[in-house]
Amino acid sequence: MSSSVFVIGANGYIGLGVAIAFRRAGYRVYGLVRSEKFSKKLLENEIEPVIASSYDDLGQFNDILTSSSIIIDAIGYQPKLSANLLKSAVQIGKLRTQDGKLPHYAPLYIFTSGIMTCK
Protein backbone atom coordinates (compact mmCIF):
# COMPACT_ATOMS: atom_id res chain seq x y z
CA MET A 1 0.00 0.00 0.00
CA SER A 2 1.15 3.53 -0.66
CA SER A 3 2.63 5.80 1.92
CA SER A 4 0.20 8.60 1.23
CA VAL A 5 -1.94 10.75 3.45
CA PHE A 6 -5.15 12.58 2.55
CA VAL A 7 -5.79 15.59 4.79
CA ILE A 8 -9.26 17.09 4.57
CA GLY A 9 -9.04 20.73 5.58
CA ALA A 10 -5.33 21.04 4.84
CA ASN A 11 -5.34 24.84 4.94
CA GLY A 12 -6.64 25.13 8.50
CA TYR A 13 -4.63 25.56 11.68
CA ILE A 14 -4.63 21.87 12.55
CA GLY A 15 -4.80 20.46 9.01
CA LEU A 16 -1.85 22.45 7.68
CA GLY A 17 0.39 21.52 10.61
CA VAL A 18 -0.52 17.85 10.29
CA ALA A 19 -0.04 17.88 6.51
CA ILE A 20 3.39 19.50 6.80
CA ALA A 21 4.46 17.04 9.51
CA PHE A 22 3.51 14.04 7.36
CA ARG A 23 5.26 15.53 4.33
CA ARG A 24 8.43 16.09 6.36
CA ALA A 25 8.22 12.47 7.49
CA GLY A 26 8.38 11.40 3.84
CA TYR A 27 4.74 10.74 3.05
CA ARG A 28 3.06 11.81 -0.16
CA VAL A 29 0.41 14.23 1.12
CA TYR A 30 -2.79 15.29 -0.58
CA GLY A 31 -4.50 18.32 0.92
CA LEU A 32 -8.19 18.89 0.35
CA VAL A 33 -9.20 22.55 0.28
CA ARG A 34 -12.33 24.36 -0.90
CA SER A 35 -10.65 27.00 -3.05
CA GLU A 36 -7.76 27.47 -5.45
CA LYS A 37 -6.49 30.38 -3.33
CA PHE A 38 -5.25 27.96 -0.66
CA SER A 39 -3.19 25.90 -3.12
CA LYS A 40 -0.10 28.12 -3.01
CA LYS A 41 0.63 27.45 0.68
CA LEU A 42 0.23 23.71 0.13
CA LEU A 43 2.48 23.70 -2.95
CA GLU A 44 5.16 25.64 -1.03
CA ASN A 45 5.24 22.73 1.42
CA GLU A 46 5.20 20.00 -1.28
CA ILE A 47 1.61 19.06 -0.49
CA GLU A 48 -0.54 18.19 -3.49
CA PRO A 49 -3.68 20.33 -3.43
CA VAL A 50 -7.05 18.74 -4.15
CA ILE A 51 -9.70 21.38 -4.72
CA ALA A 52 -13.36 20.68 -4.05
CA SER A 53 -15.82 23.53 -3.82
CA SER A 54 -18.17 21.15 -2.02
CA TYR A 55 -17.54 18.16 0.21
CA ASP A 56 -20.93 16.66 -0.61
CA ASP A 57 -19.64 14.35 -3.35
CA LEU A 58 -16.75 12.20 -2.09
CA GLY A 59 -16.68 10.45 -5.47
CA GLN A 60 -14.79 13.37 -6.98
CA PHE A 61 -11.67 12.36 -5.04
CA ASN A 62 -12.40 8.67 -4.57
CA ASP A 63 -9.13 7.61 -6.25
CA ILE A 64 -7.12 9.52 -3.65
CA LEU A 65 -9.22 8.15 -0.78
CA THR A 66 -8.74 4.63 -2.12
CA SER A 67 -4.97 4.92 -2.50
CA SER A 68 -4.25 6.67 0.80
CA SER A 69 -2.83 4.85 3.81
CA ILE A 70 -4.10 7.51 6.18
CA ILE A 71 -7.19 9.74 5.96
CA ILE A 72 -7.29 12.72 8.29
CA ASP A 73 -10.44 14.76 8.86
CA ALA A 74 -9.18 18.12 10.12
CA ILE A 75 -12.28 20.21 9.57
CA GLY A 76 -14.15 19.28 12.69
CA TYR A 77 -17.40 17.46 13.12
CA GLN A 78 -19.85 17.98 10.30
CA PRO A 79 -22.54 15.30 10.62
CA LYS A 80 -22.95 14.42 6.95
CA LEU A 81 -19.33 14.77 5.86
CA SER A 82 -17.75 13.08 8.89
CA ALA A 83 -20.13 10.12 8.58
CA ASN A 84 -19.47 9.82 4.85
CA LEU A 85 -15.68 9.92 5.31
CA LEU A 86 -15.79 7.20 7.94
CA LYS A 87 -18.12 5.13 5.76
CA SER A 88 -15.72 5.56 2.80
CA ALA A 89 -12.75 4.44 4.90
CA VAL A 90 -14.63 1.29 5.95
CA GLN A 91 -15.66 0.55 2.35
CA ILE A 92 -12.07 1.01 1.16
CA GLY A 93 -10.91 -1.48 3.78
CA LYS A 94 -13.50 -3.99 2.57
CA LEU A 95 -12.43 -3.51 -1.04
CA ARG A 96 -8.81 -4.13 -0.12
CA THR A 97 -9.84 -7.33 1.64
CA GLN A 98 -11.71 -8.53 -1.44
CA ASP A 99 -8.63 -8.00 -3.60
CA GLY A 100 -6.77 -10.50 -1.43
CA LYS A 101 -3.99 -8.04 -0.75
CA LEU A 102 -3.19 -7.45 2.89
CA PRO A 103 -6.58 -8.68 4.10
CA HIS A 104 -6.14 -6.95 7.46
CA TYR A 105 -5.32 -3.60 5.92
CA ALA A 106 -7.71 -0.67 5.98
CA PRO A 107 -6.77 2.99 5.90
CA LEU A 108 -6.17 4.66 9.22
CA TYR A 109 -8.92 7.25 9.71
CA ILE A 110 -8.10 10.08 12.09
CA PHE A 111 -10.72 12.58 13.18
CA THR A 112 -9.62 15.90 14.68
CA SER A 113 -11.30 19.12 15.53
CA GLY A 114 -11.00 21.91 13.04
CA ILE A 115 -9.93 25.50 13.47
CA MET A 116 -9.90 27.71 10.39
CA THR A 117 -7.37 30.54 10.44
CA CYS A 118 -6.57 31.19 6.75
CA LYS A 119 -8.53 33.72 4.73
C-alpha atoms as a PDB file:
ATOM      1  CA  MET A   1       0.000   0.000   0.000  1.00  0.00           C
ATOM      2  CA  SER A   2       1.148   3.526  -0.664  1.00  0.00           C
ATOM      3  CA  SER A   3       2.626   5.803   1.920  1.00  0.00           C
ATOM      4  CA  SER A   4       0.204   8.596   1.227  1.00  0.00           C
ATOM      5  CA  VAL A   5      -1.943  10.752   3.454  1.00  0.00           C
ATOM      6  CA  PHE A   6      -5.152  12.576   2.550  1.00  0.00           C
ATOM      7  CA  VAL A   7      -5.786  15.593   4.786  1.00  0.00           C
ATOM      8  CA  ILE A   8      -9.260  17.086   4.569  1.00  0.00           C
ATOM      9  CA  GLY A   9      -9.042  20.734   5.581  1.00  0.00           C
ATOM     10  CA  ALA A  10      -5.329  21.037   4.841  1.00  0.00           C
ATOM     11  CA  ASN A  11      -5.341  24.839   4.943  1.00  0.00           C
ATOM     12  CA  GLY A  12      -6.643  25.129   8.502  1.00  0.00           C
ATOM     13  CA  TYR A  13      -4.630  25.556  11.675  1.00  0.00           C
ATOM     14  CA  ILE A  14      -4.630  21.868  12.547  1.00  0.00           C
ATOM     15  CA  GLY A  15      -4.805  20.465   9.012  1.00  0.00           C
ATOM     16  CA  LEU A  16      -1.848  22.445   7.677  1.00  0.00           C
ATOM     17  CA  GLY A  17       0.386  21.523  10.613  1.00  0.00           C
ATOM     18  CA  VAL A  18      -0.522  17.851  10.293  1.00  0.00           C
ATOM     19  CA  ALA A  19      -0.041  17.878   6.509  1.00  0.00           C
ATOM     20  CA  ILE A  20       3.393  19.503   6.804  1.00  0.00           C
ATOM     21  CA  ALA A  21       4.461  17.045   9.509  1.00  0.00           C
ATOM     22  CA  PHE A  22       3.510  14.036   7.364  1.00  0.00           C
ATOM     23  CA  ARG A  23       5.256  15.529   4.330  1.00  0.00           C
ATOM     24  CA  ARG A  24       8.434  16.093   6.356  1.00  0.00           C
ATOM     25  CA  ALA A  25       8.216  12.471   7.494  1.00  0.00           C
ATOM     26  CA  GLY A  26       8.383  11.401   3.840  1.00  0.00           C
ATOM     27  CA  TYR A  27       4.735  10.740   3.048  1.00  0.00           C
ATOM     28  CA  ARG A  28       3.063  11.812  -0.157  1.00  0.00           C
ATOM     29  CA  VAL A  29       0.415  14.229   1.117  1.00  0.00           C
ATOM     30  CA  TYR A  30      -2.786  15.295  -0.585  1.00  0.00           C
ATOM     31  CA  GLY A  31      -4.497  18.316   0.923  1.00  0.00           C
ATOM     32  CA  LEU A  32      -8.187  18.894   0.354  1.00  0.00           C
ATOM     33  CA  VAL A  33      -9.204  22.549   0.278  1.00  0.00           C
ATOM     34  CA  ARG A  34     -12.330  24.360  -0.902  1.00  0.00           C
ATOM     35  CA  SER A  35     -10.654  27.003  -3.046  1.00  0.00           C
ATOM     36  CA  GLU A  36      -7.757  27.469  -5.452  1.00  0.00           C
ATOM     37  CA  LYS A  37      -6.492  30.377  -3.334  1.00  0.00           C
ATOM     38  CA  PHE A  38      -5.254  27.958  -0.657  1.00  0.00           C
ATOM     39  CA  SER A  39      -3.189  25.898  -3.123  1.00  0.00           C
ATOM     40  CA  LYS A  40      -0.098  28.123  -3.008  1.00  0.00           C
ATOM     41  CA  LYS A  41       0.627  27.450   0.678  1.00  0.00           C
ATOM     42  CA  LEU A  42       0.230  23.710   0.127  1.00  0.00           C
ATOM     43  CA  LEU A  43       2.484  23.701  -2.950  1.00  0.00           C
ATOM     44  CA  GLU A  44       5.160  25.644  -1.025  1.00  0.00           C
ATOM     45  CA  ASN A  45       5.235  22.729   1.423  1.00  0.00           C
ATOM     46  CA  GLU A  46       5.200  20.005  -1.276  1.00  0.00           C
ATOM     47  CA  ILE A  47       1.611  19.061  -0.494  1.00  0.00           C
ATOM     48  CA  GLU A  48      -0.542  18.193  -3.493  1.00  0.00           C
ATOM     49  CA  PRO A  49      -3.683  20.327  -3.429  1.00  0.00           C
ATOM     50  CA  VAL A  50      -7.048  18.741  -4.146  1.00  0.00           C
ATOM     51  CA  ILE A  51      -9.700  21.383  -4.719  1.00  0.00           C
ATOM     52  CA  ALA A  52     -13.361  20.680  -4.049  1.00  0.00           C
ATOM     53  CA  SER A  53     -15.825  23.533  -3.819  1.00  0.00           C
ATOM     54  CA  SER A  54     -18.174  21.153  -2.021  1.00  0.00           C
ATOM     55  CA  TYR A  55     -17.537  18.157   0.211  1.00  0.00           C
ATOM     56  CA  ASP A  56     -20.926  16.659  -0.606  1.00  0.00           C
ATOM     57  CA  ASP A  57     -19.636  14.352  -3.350  1.00  0.00           C
ATOM     58  CA  LEU A  58     -16.753  12.203  -2.094  1.00  0.00           C
ATOM     59  CA  GLY A  59     -16.679  10.449  -5.472  1.00  0.00           C
ATOM     60  CA  GLN A  60     -14.791  13.370  -6.983  1.00  0.00           C
ATOM     61  CA  PHE A  61     -11.669  12.363  -5.043  1.00  0.00           C
ATOM     62  CA  ASN A  62     -12.396   8.671  -4.566  1.00  0.00           C
ATOM     63  CA  ASP A  63      -9.126   7.615  -6.251  1.00  0.00           C
ATOM     64  CA  ILE A  64      -7.118   9.517  -3.650  1.00  0.00           C
ATOM     65  CA  LEU A  65      -9.219   8.150  -0.783  1.00  0.00           C
ATOM     66  CA  THR A  66      -8.736   4.625  -2.122  1.00  0.00           C
ATOM     67  CA  SER A  67      -4.969   4.924  -2.503  1.00  0.00           C
ATOM     68  CA  SER A  68      -4.246   6.668   0.805  1.00  0.00           C
ATOM     69  CA  SER A  69      -2.827   4.850   3.805  1.00  0.00           C
ATOM     70  CA  ILE A  70      -4.103   7.509   6.183  1.00  0.00           C
ATOM     71  CA  ILE A  71      -7.188   9.741   5.962  1.00  0.00           C
ATOM     72  CA  ILE A  72      -7.287  12.723   8.294  1.00  0.00           C
ATOM     73  CA  ASP A  73     -10.444  14.756   8.865  1.00  0.00           C
ATOM     74  CA  ALA A  74      -9.182  18.117  10.125  1.00  0.00           C
ATOM     75  CA  ILE A  75     -12.281  20.212   9.567  1.00  0.00           C
ATOM     76  CA  GLY A  76     -14.152  19.280  12.688  1.00  0.00           C
ATOM     77  CA  TYR A  77     -17.400  17.460  13.122  1.00  0.00           C
ATOM     78  CA  GLN A  78     -19.846  17.976  10.300  1.00  0.00           C
ATOM     79  CA  PRO A  79     -22.539  15.302  10.623  1.00  0.00           C
ATOM     80  CA  LYS A  80     -22.950  14.419   6.953  1.00  0.00           C
ATOM     81  CA  LEU A  81     -19.326  14.773   5.857  1.00  0.00           C
ATOM     82  CA  SER A  82     -17.755  13.084   8.891  1.00  0.00           C
ATOM     83  CA  ALA A  83     -20.132  10.124   8.580  1.00  0.00           C
ATOM     84  CA  ASN A  84     -19.469   9.825   4.846  1.00  0.00           C
ATOM     85  CA  LEU A  85     -15.684   9.917   5.309  1.00  0.00           C
ATOM     86  CA  LEU A  86     -15.790   7.199   7.944  1.00  0.00           C
ATOM     87  CA  LYS A  87     -18.117   5.133   5.756  1.00  0.00           C
ATOM     88  CA  SER A  88     -15.722   5.560   2.804  1.00  0.00           C
ATOM     89  CA  ALA A  89     -12.746   4.443   4.897  1.00  0.00           C
ATOM     90  CA  VAL A  90     -14.634   1.294   5.954  1.00  0.00           C
ATOM     91  CA  GLN A  91     -15.656   0.553   2.349  1.00  0.00           C
ATOM     92  CA  ILE A  92     -12.067   1.013   1.163  1.00  0.00           C
ATOM     93  CA  GLY A  93     -10.908  -1.479   3.784  1.00  0.00           C
ATOM     94  CA  LYS A  94     -13.499  -3.992   2.575  1.00  0.00           C
ATOM     95  CA  LEU A  95     -12.426  -3.513  -1.044  1.00  0.00           C
ATOM     96  CA  ARG A  96      -8.807  -4.135  -0.117  1.00  0.00           C
ATOM     97  CA  THR A  97      -9.839  -7.329   1.636  1.00  0.00           C
ATOM     98  CA  GLN A  98     -11.713  -8.533  -1.444  1.00  0.00           C
ATOM     99  CA  ASP A  99      -8.630  -7.995  -3.600  1.00  0.00           C
ATOM    100  CA  GLY A 100      -6.771 -10.501  -1.428  1.00  0.00           C
ATOM    101  CA  LYS A 101      -3.989  -8.036  -0.748  1.00  0.00           C
ATOM    102  CA  LEU A 102      -3.193  -7.446   2.890  1.00  0.00           C
ATOM    103  CA  PRO A 103      -6.584  -8.676   4.102  1.00  0.00           C
ATOM    104  CA  HIS A 104      -6.137  -6.948   7.456  1.00  0.00           C
ATOM    105  CA  TYR A 105      -5.319  -3.599   5.924  1.00  0.00           C
ATOM    106  CA  ALA A 106      -7.707  -0.667   5.984  1.00  0.00           C
ATOM    107  CA  PRO A 107      -6.769   2.994   5.897  1.00  0.00           C
ATOM    108  CA  LEU A 108      -6.174   4.658   9.215  1.00  0.00           C
ATOM    109  CA  TYR A 109      -8.923   7.250   9.711  1.00  0.00           C
ATOM    110  CA  ILE A 110      -8.097  10.076  12.095  1.00  0.00           C
ATOM    111  CA  PHE A 111     -10.723  12.583  13.182  1.00  0.00           C
ATOM    112  CA  THR A 112      -9.622  15.897  14.680  1.00  0.00           C
ATOM    113  CA  SER A 113     -11.301  19.120  15.530  1.00  0.00           C
ATOM    114  CA  GLY A 114     -11.004  21.913  13.036  1.00  0.00           C
ATOM    115  CA  ILE A 115      -9.934  25.496  13.468  1.00  0.00           C
ATOM    116  CA  MET A 116      -9.899  27.709  10.391  1.00  0.00           C
ATOM    117  CA  THR A 117      -7.374  30.537  10.435  1.00  0.00           C
ATOM    118  CA  CYS A 118      -6.572  31.185   6.751  1.00  0.00           C
ATOM    119  CA  LYS A 119      -8.535  33.720   4.735  1.00  0.00           C
END
